[in-house]
Amino acid sequence: MVLLPEAGTLSVATGRTGEPVTIENAASRDASFVVPRNFLKPGTMHIILAVTDDGAPALTRYCRVIVTVAAP
């Protein structure tokens, strides 16, 4: 998963957007992630989910998830 640099309002201390986010249990329907601590202020994160099946041919669906991050 990658944060898109053109979407969302959060930025990191390095000034970069599009920082990778580690997805725990990515192959599970109960996947989760932790917002990186180096975000400078509250805002939104846009995460693109991609799910691919085992079919032949394999099909992939995409969904944008918008997460609002509050102040710590």
PDB file of N, CA and C in Angstrom:
ATOM      1  N   MET A   1       0.829  -1.163   0.000  1.00  0.00           N
ATOM      2  CA  MET A   1       0.000   0.000   0.000  1.00  0.00           C
ATOM      3  C   MET A   1       0.885   1.241   0.000  1.00  0.00           C
ATOM      4  N   VAL A   2       0.439   2.242  -0.711  1.00  0.00           N
ATOM      5  CA  VAL A   2       1.208   3.475  -0.794  1.00  0.00           C
ATOM      6  C   VAL A   2       0.259   4.650  -0.673  1.00  0.00           C
ATOM      7  N   LEU A   3       0.626   5.629   0.106  1.00  0.00           N
ATOM      8  CA  LEU A   3      -0.133   6.873   0.149  1.00  0.00           C
ATOM      9  C   LEU A   3       0.134   7.645  -1.125  1.00  0.00           C
ATOM     10  N   LEU A   4      -0.899   8.120  -1.756  1.00  0.00           N
ATOM     11  CA  LEU A   4      -0.724   8.872  -2.990  1.00  0.00           C
ATOM     12  C   LEU A   4      -0.267  10.291  -2.695  1.00  0.00           C
ATOM     13  N   PRO A   5       0.786  10.781  -3.358  1.00  0.00           N
ATOM     14  CA  PRO A   5       1.283  12.112  -3.049  1.00  0.00           C
ATOM     15  C   PRO A   5       0.303  13.222  -3.402  1.00  0.00           C
ATOM     16  N   GLU A   6      -0.606  13.013  -4.341  1.00  0.00           N
ATOM     17  CA  GLU A   6      -1.529  14.069  -4.732  1.00  0.00           C
ATOM     18  C   GLU A   6      -2.822  14.063  -3.928  1.00  0.00           C
ATOM     19  N   ALA A   7      -3.000  13.106  -3.037  1.00  0.00           N
ATOM     20  CA  ALA A   7      -4.246  13.012  -2.272  1.00  0.00           C
ATOM     21  C   ALA A   7      -3.969  13.156  -0.789  1.00  0.00           C
ATOM     22  N   GLY A   8      -4.946  13.636  -0.047  1.00  0.00           N
ATOM     23  CA  GLY A   8      -4.822  13.759   1.392  1.00  0.00           C
ATOM     24  C   GLY A   8      -4.190  15.068   1.804  1.00  0.00           C
ATOM     25  N   THR A   9      -4.179  15.308   3.115  1.00  0.00           N
ATOM     26  CA  THR A   9      -3.661  16.561   3.642  1.00  0.00           C
ATOM     27  C   THR A   9      -2.491  16.370   4.584  1.00  0.00           C
ATOM     28  N   LEU A  10      -2.164  15.127   4.930  1.00  0.00           N
ATOM     29  CA  LEU A  10      -1.072  14.893   5.870  1.00  0.00           C
ATOM     30  C   LEU A  10       0.273  14.949   5.172  1.00  0.00           C
ATOM     31  N   SER A  11       1.279  15.419   5.891  1.00  0.00           N
ATOM     32  CA  SER A  11       2.649  15.359   5.386  1.00  0.00           C
ATOM     33  C   SER A  11       3.530  14.863   6.520  1.00  0.00           C
ATOM     34  N   VAL A  12       4.674  14.333   6.166  1.00  0.00           N
ATOM     35  CA  VAL A  12       5.578  13.773   7.169  1.00  0.00           C
ATOM     36  C   VAL A  12       6.696  14.757   7.458  1.00  0.00           C
ATOM     37  N   ALA A  13       7.413  14.505   8.532  1.00  0.00           N
ATOM     38  CA  ALA A  13       8.479  15.400   8.967  1.00  0.00           C
ATOM     39  C   ALA A  13       9.542  15.606   7.891  1.00  0.00           C
ATOM     40  N   THR A  14       9.728  14.625   7.013  1.00  0.00           N
ATOM     41  CA  THR A  14      10.734  14.747   5.961  1.00  0.00           C
ATOM     42  C   THR A  14      10.253  15.635   4.818  1.00  0.00           C
ATOM     43  N   GLY A  15       8.960  16.019   4.852  1.00  0.00           N
ATOM     44  CA  GLY A  15       8.412  16.820   3.770  1.00  0.00           C
ATOM     45  C   GLY A  15       7.915  15.987   2.614  1.00  0.00           C
ATOM     46  N   ARG A  16       8.025  14.655   2.723  1.00  0.00           N
ATOM     47  CA  ARG A  16       7.587  13.776   1.642  1.00  0.00           C
ATOM     48  C   ARG A  16       6.198  13.250   1.920  1.00  0.00           C
ATOM     49  N   THR A  17       5.444  13.031   0.874  1.00  0.00           N
ATOM     50  CA  THR A  17       4.198  12.285   0.980  1.00  0.00           C
ATOM     51  C   THR A  17       4.379  11.029   0.155  1.00  0.00           C
ATOM     52  N   GLY A  18       3.424  10.149   0.195  1.00  0.00           N
ATOM     53  CA  GLY A  18       3.564   8.896  -0.527  1.00  0.00           C
ATOM     54  C   GLY A  18       4.417   7.898   0.224  1.00  0.00           C
ATOM     55  N   GLU A  19       4.616   8.118   1.524  1.00  0.00           N
ATOM     56  CA  GLU A  19       5.388   7.182   2.331  1.00  0.00           C
ATOM     57  C   GLU A  19       4.638   5.864   2.444  1.00  0.00           C
ATOM     58  N   PRO A  20       5.324   4.732   2.322  1.00  0.00           N
ATOM     59  CA  PRO A  20       4.649   3.434   2.466  1.00  0.00           C
ATOM     60  C   PRO A  20       4.102   3.243   3.874  1.00  0.00           C
ATOM     61  N   VAL A  21       2.973   2.572   3.980  1.00  0.00           N
ATOM     62  CA  VAL A  21       2.372   2.223   5.257  1.00  0.00           C
ATOM     63  C   VAL A  21       2.369   0.703   5.343  1.00  0.00           C
ATOM     64  N   THR A  22       2.857   0.161   6.447  1.00  0.00           N
ATOM     65  CA  THR A  22       2.873  -1.281   6.633  1.00  0.00           C
ATOM     66  C   THR A  22       1.475  -1.757   6.995  1.00  0.00           C
ATOM     67  N   ILE A  23       0.975  -2.727   6.232  1.00  0.00           N
ATOM     68  CA  ILE A  23      -0.338  -3.302   6.484  1.00  0.00           C
ATOM     69  C   ILE A  23      -0.140  -4.637   7.195  1.00  0.00           C
ATOM     70  N   GLU A  24      -0.650  -4.730   8.415  1.00  0.00           N
ATOM     71  CA  GLU A  24      -0.596  -5.979   9.173  1.00  0.00           C
ATOM     72  C   GLU A  24      -1.705  -6.905   8.671  1.00  0.00           C
ATOM     73  N   ASN A  25      -1.414  -8.189   8.552  1.00  0.00           N
ATOM     74  CA  ASN A  25      -2.388  -9.183   8.084  1.00  0.00           C
ATOM     75  C   ASN A  25      -2.996  -8.780   6.742  1.00  0.00           C
ATOM     76  N   ALA A  26      -2.165  -8.355   5.821  1.00  0.00           N
ATOM     77  CA  ALA A  26      -2.629  -7.833   4.533  1.00  0.00           C
ATOM     78  C   ALA A  26      -3.472  -8.830   3.748  1.00  0.00           C
ATOM     79  N   ALA A  27      -3.263 -10.116   3.939  1.00  0.00           N
ATOM     80  CA  ALA A  27      -4.031 -11.121   3.203  1.00  0.00           C
ATOM     81  C   ALA A  27      -5.330 -11.499   3.918  1.00  0.00           C
ATOM     82  N   SER A  28      -5.619 -10.837   5.021  1.00  0.00           N
ATOM     83  CA  SER A  28      -6.792 -11.148   5.826  1.00  0.00           C
ATOM     84  C   SER A  28      -7.868 -10.080   5.645  1.00  0.00           C
ATOM     85  N   ARG A  29      -9.109 -10.438   5.884  1.00  0.00           N
ATOM     86  CA  ARG A  29     -10.170  -9.425   5.829  1.00  0.00           C
ATOM     87  C   ARG A  29     -10.101  -8.491   7.022  1.00  0.00           C
ATOM     88  N   ASP A  30      -9.279  -8.826   8.021  1.00  0.00           N
ATOM     89  CA  ASP A  30      -9.095  -7.999   9.209  1.00  0.00           C
ATOM     90  C   ASP A  30      -7.748  -7.290   9.188  1.00  0.00           C
ATOM     91  N   ALA A  31      -7.334  -6.829   8.030  1.00  0.00           N
ATOM     92  CA  ALA A  31      -6.065  -6.120   7.899  1.00  0.00           C
ATOM     93  C   ALA A  31      -6.131  -4.799   8.664  1.00  0.00           C
ATOM     94  N   SER A  32      -4.959  -4.309   9.102  1.00  0.00           N
ATOM     95  CA  SER A  32      -4.912  -3.051   9.844  1.00  0.00           C
ATOM     96  C   SER A  32      -3.572  -2.367   9.596  1.00  0.00           C
ATOM     97  N   PHE A  33      -3.484  -1.102  10.010  1.00  0.00           N
ATOM     98  CA  PHE A  33      -2.240  -0.359   9.917  1.00  0.00           C
ATOM     99  C   PHE A  33      -2.169   0.635  11.059  1.00  0.00           C
ATOM    100  N   VAL A  34      -0.979   1.156  11.310  1.00  0.00           N
ATOM    101  CA  VAL A  34      -0.763   2.176  12.325  1.00  0.00           C
ATOM    102  C   VAL A  34      -0.319   3.441  11.605  1.00  0.00           C
ATOM    103  N   VAL A  35      -0.944   4.553  11.935  1.00  0.00           N
ATOM    104  CA  VAL A  35      -0.554   5.832  11.347  1.00  0.00           C
ATOM    105  C   VAL A  35       0.869   6.153  11.801  1.00  0.00           C
ATOM    106  N   PRO A  36       1.774   6.460  10.867  1.00  0.00           N
ATOM    107  CA  PRO A  36       3.145   6.794  11.251  1.00  0.00           C
ATOM    108  C   PRO A  36       3.180   7.983  12.225  1.00  0.00           C
ATOM    109  N   ARG A  37       4.086   7.936  13.176  1.00  0.00           N
ATOM    110  CA  ARG A  37       4.171   8.987  14.202  1.00  0.00           C
ATOM    111  C   ARG A  37       4.724  10.304  13.686  1.00  0.00           C
ATOM    112  N   ASN A  38       5.350  10.303  12.527  1.00  0.00           N
ATOM    113  CA  ASN A  38       6.002  11.518  12.069  1.00  0.00           C
ATOM    114  C   ASN A  38       5.099  12.434  11.236  1.00  0.00           C
ATOM    115  N   PHE A  39       3.792  12.243  11.277  1.00  0.00           N
ATOM    116  CA  PHE A  39       2.909  13.184  10.611  1.00  0.00           C
ATOM    117  C   PHE A  39       2.890  14.473  11.404  1.00  0.00           C
ATOM    118  N   LEU A  40       2.897  15.609  10.705  1.00  0.00           N
ATOM    119  CA  LEU A  40       3.048  16.903  11.355  1.00  0.00           C
ATOM    120  C   LEU A  40       1.774  17.435  11.997  1.00  0.00           C
ATOM    121  N   LYS A  41       0.613  17.113  11.439  1.00  0.00           N
ATOM    122  CA  LYS A  41      -0.633  17.675  11.958  1.00  0.00           C
ATOM    123  C   LYS A  41      -1.791  16.765  11.568  1.00  0.00           C
ATOM    124  N   PRO A  42      -2.968  16.964  12.159  1.00  0.00           N
ATOM    125  CA  PRO A  42      -4.140  16.171  11.784  1.00  0.00           C
ATOM    126  C   PRO A  42      -4.487  16.389  10.311  1.00  0.00           C
ATOM    127  N   GLY A  43      -5.146  15.420   9.720  1.00  0.00           N
ATOM    128  CA  GLY A  43      -5.548  15.537   8.321  1.00  0.00           C
ATOM    129  C   GLY A  43      -6.113  14.227   7.818  1.00  0.00           C
ATOM    130  N   THR A  44      -6.029  14.006   6.510  1.00  0.00           N
ATOM    131  CA  THR A  44      -6.548  12.775   5.926  1.00  0.00           C
ATOM    132  C   THR A  44      -5.441  12.001   5.226  1.00  0.00           C
ATOM    133  N   MET A  45      -5.588  10.674   5.261  1.00  0.00           N
ATOM    134  CA  MET A  45      -4.717   9.767   4.510  1.00  0.00           C
ATOM    135  C   MET A  45      -5.598   9.083   3.479  1.00  0.00           C
ATOM    136  N   HIS A  46      -5.131   8.980   2.253  1.00  0.00           N
ATOM    137  CA  HIS A  46      -5.835   8.250   1.205  1.00  0.00           C
ATOM    138  C   HIS A  46      -5.037   6.981   0.947  1.00  0.00           C
ATOM    139  N   ILE A  47      -5.681   5.843   1.137  1.00  0.00           N
ATOM    140  CA  ILE A  47      -5.022   4.551   0.942  1.00  0.00           C
ATOM    141  C   ILE A  47      -5.772   3.815  -0.155  1.00  0.00           C
ATOM    142  N   ILE A  48      -5.034   3.319  -1.142  1.00  0.00           N
ATOM    143  CA  ILE A  48      -5.636   2.546  -2.227  1.00  0.00           C
ATOM    144  C   ILE A  48      -5.472   1.066  -1.895  1.00  0.00           C
ATOM    145  N   LEU A  49      -6.611   0.369  -1.773  1.00  0.00           N
ATOM    146  CA  LEU A  49      -6.596  -1.063  -1.529  1.00  0.00           C
ATOM    147  C   LEU A  49      -6.673  -1.794  -2.857  1.00  0.00           C
ATOM    148  N   ALA A  50      -5.872  -2.818  -3.018  1.00  0.00           N
ATOM    149  CA  ALA A  50      -5.912  -3.663  -4.207  1.00  0.00           C
ATOM    150  C   ALA A  50      -6.113  -5.098  -3.755  1.00  0.00           C
ATOM    151  N   VAL A  51      -7.139  -5.754  -4.276  1.00  0.00           N
ATOM    152  CA  VAL A  51      -7.434  -7.143  -3.930  1.00  0.00           C
ATOM    153  C   VAL A  51      -7.441  -7.951  -5.223  1.00  0.00           C
ATOM    154  N   THR A  52      -6.650  -9.029  -5.251  1.00  0.00           N
ATOM    155  CA  THR A  52      -6.545  -9.887  -6.431  1.00  0.00           C
ATOM    156  C   THR A  52      -6.993 -11.294  -6.067  1.00  0.00           C
ATOM    157  N   ASP A  53      -7.812 -11.891  -6.929  1.00  0.00           N
ATOM    158  CA  ASP A  53      -8.299 -13.245  -6.662  1.00  0.00           C
ATOM    159  C   ASP A  53      -7.338 -14.293  -7.227  1.00  0.00           C
ATOM    160  N   ASP A  54      -7.680 -15.568  -7.054  1.00  0.00           N
ATOM    161  CA  ASP A  54      -6.841 -16.677  -7.514  1.00  0.00           C
ATOM    162  C   ASP A  54      -7.289 -17.211  -8.871  1.00  0.00           C
ATOM    163  N   GLY A  55      -8.213 -16.538  -9.532  1.00  0.00           N
ATOM    164  CA  GLY A  55      -8.765 -17.029 -10.792  1.00  0.00           C
ATOM    165  C   GLY A  55      -7.776 -16.984 -11.932  1.00  0.00           C
ATOM    166  N   ALA A  56      -8.208 -17.516 -13.058  1.00  0.00           N
ATOM    167  CA  ALA A  56      -7.396 -17.486 -14.270  1.00  0.00           C
ATOM    168  C   ALA A  56      -8.261 -16.892 -15.387  1.00  0.00           C
ATOM    169  N   PRO A  57      -8.048 -15.689 -15.787  1.00  0.00           N
ATOM    170  CA  PRO A  57      -7.000 -14.782 -15.310  1.00  0.00           C
ATOM    171  C   PRO A  57      -7.360 -14.180 -13.953  1.00  0.00           C
ATOM    172  N   ALA A  58      -6.328 -13.777 -13.222  1.00  0.00           N
ATOM    173  CA  ALA A  58      -6.543 -13.145 -11.921  1.00  0.00           C
ATOM    174  C   ALA A  58      -7.170 -11.768 -12.133  1.00  0.00           C
ATOM    175  N   LEU A  59      -8.160 -11.452 -11.321  1.00  0.00           N
ATOM    176  CA  LEU A  59      -8.828 -10.158 -11.406  1.00  0.00           C
ATOM    177  C   LEU A  59      -8.474  -9.335 -10.180  1.00  0.00           C
ATOM    178  N   THR A  60      -8.277  -8.035 -10.370  1.00  0.00           N
ATOM    179  CA  THR A  60      -7.927  -7.133  -9.282  1.00  0.00           C
ATOM    180  C   THR A  60      -8.965  -6.029  -9.189  1.00  0.00           C
ATOM    181  N   ARG A  61      -9.390  -5.717  -7.979  1.00  0.00           N
ATOM    182  CA  ARG A  61     -10.310  -4.606  -7.713  1.00  0.00           C
ATOM    183  C   ARG A  61      -9.582  -3.610  -6.829  1.00  0.00           C
ATOM    184  N   TYR A  62      -9.879  -2.337  -7.012  1.00  0.00           N
ATOM    185  CA  TYR A  62      -9.253  -1.268  -6.247  1.00  0.00           C
ATOM    186  C   TYR A  62     -10.316  -0.460  -5.521  1.00  0.00           C
ATOM    187  N   CYS A  63      -9.957   0.054  -4.357  1.00  0.00           N
ATOM    188  CA  CYS A  63     -10.874   0.883  -3.577  1.00  0.00           C
ATOM    189  C   CYS A  63     -10.045   1.905  -2.804  1.00  0.00           C
ATOM    190  N   ARG A  64     -10.454   3.153  -2.849  1.00  0.00           N
ATOM    191  CA  ARG A  64      -9.781   4.193  -2.067  1.00  0.00           C
ATOM    192  C   ARG A  64     -10.459   4.277  -0.701  1.00  0.00           C
ATOM    193  N   VAL A  65      -9.646   4.253   0.350  1.00  0.00           N
ATOM    194  CA  VAL A  65     -10.123   4.420   1.712  1.00  0.00           C
ATOM    195  C   VAL A  65      -9.558   5.739   2.225  1.00  0.00           C
ATOM    196  N   ILE A  66     -10.422   6.603   2.723  1.00  0.00           N
ATOM    197  CA  ILE A  66      -9.966   7.887   3.265  1.00  0.00           C
ATOM    198  C   ILE A  66     -10.063   7.809   4.783  1.00  0.00           C
ATOM    199  N   VAL A  67      -8.916   7.999   5.431  1.00  0.00           N
ATOM    200  CA  VAL A  67      -8.826   7.902   6.886  1.00  0.00           C
ATOM    201  C   VAL A  67      -8.564   9.303   7.444  1.00  0.00           C
ATOM    202  N   THR A  68      -9.397   9.736   8.377  1.00  0.00           N
ATOM    203  CA  THR A  68      -9.177  11.026   9.040  1.00  0.00           C
ATOM    204  C   THR A  68      -8.351  10.778  10.286  1.00  0.00           C
ATOM    205  N   VAL A  69      -7.225  11.473  10.391  1.00  0.00           N
ATOM    206  CA  VAL A  69      -6.308  11.307  11.515  1.00  0.00           C
ATOM    207  C   VAL A  69      -6.453  12.524  12.424  1.00  0.00           C
ATOM    208  N   ALA A  70      -6.773  12.285  13.693  1.00  0.00           N
ATOM    209  CA  ALA A  70      -6.933  13.363  14.665  1.00  0.00           C
ATOM    210  C   ALA A  70      -5.597  13.664  15.342  1.00  0.00           C
ATOM    211  N   ALA A  71      -5.552  14.758  16.059  1.00  0.00           N
ATOM    212  CA  ALA A  71      -4.356  15.108  16.816  1.00  0.00           C
ATOM    213  C   ALA A  71      -4.119  14.077  17.914  1.00  0.00           C
ATOM    214  N   PRO A  72      -2.856  13.773  18.220  1.00  0.00           N
ATOM    215  CA  PRO A  72      -2.552  12.779  19.270  1.00  0.00           C
ATOM    216  C   PRO A  72      -2.996  13.251  20.639  1.00  0.00           C
TER     217      PRO A  72
END
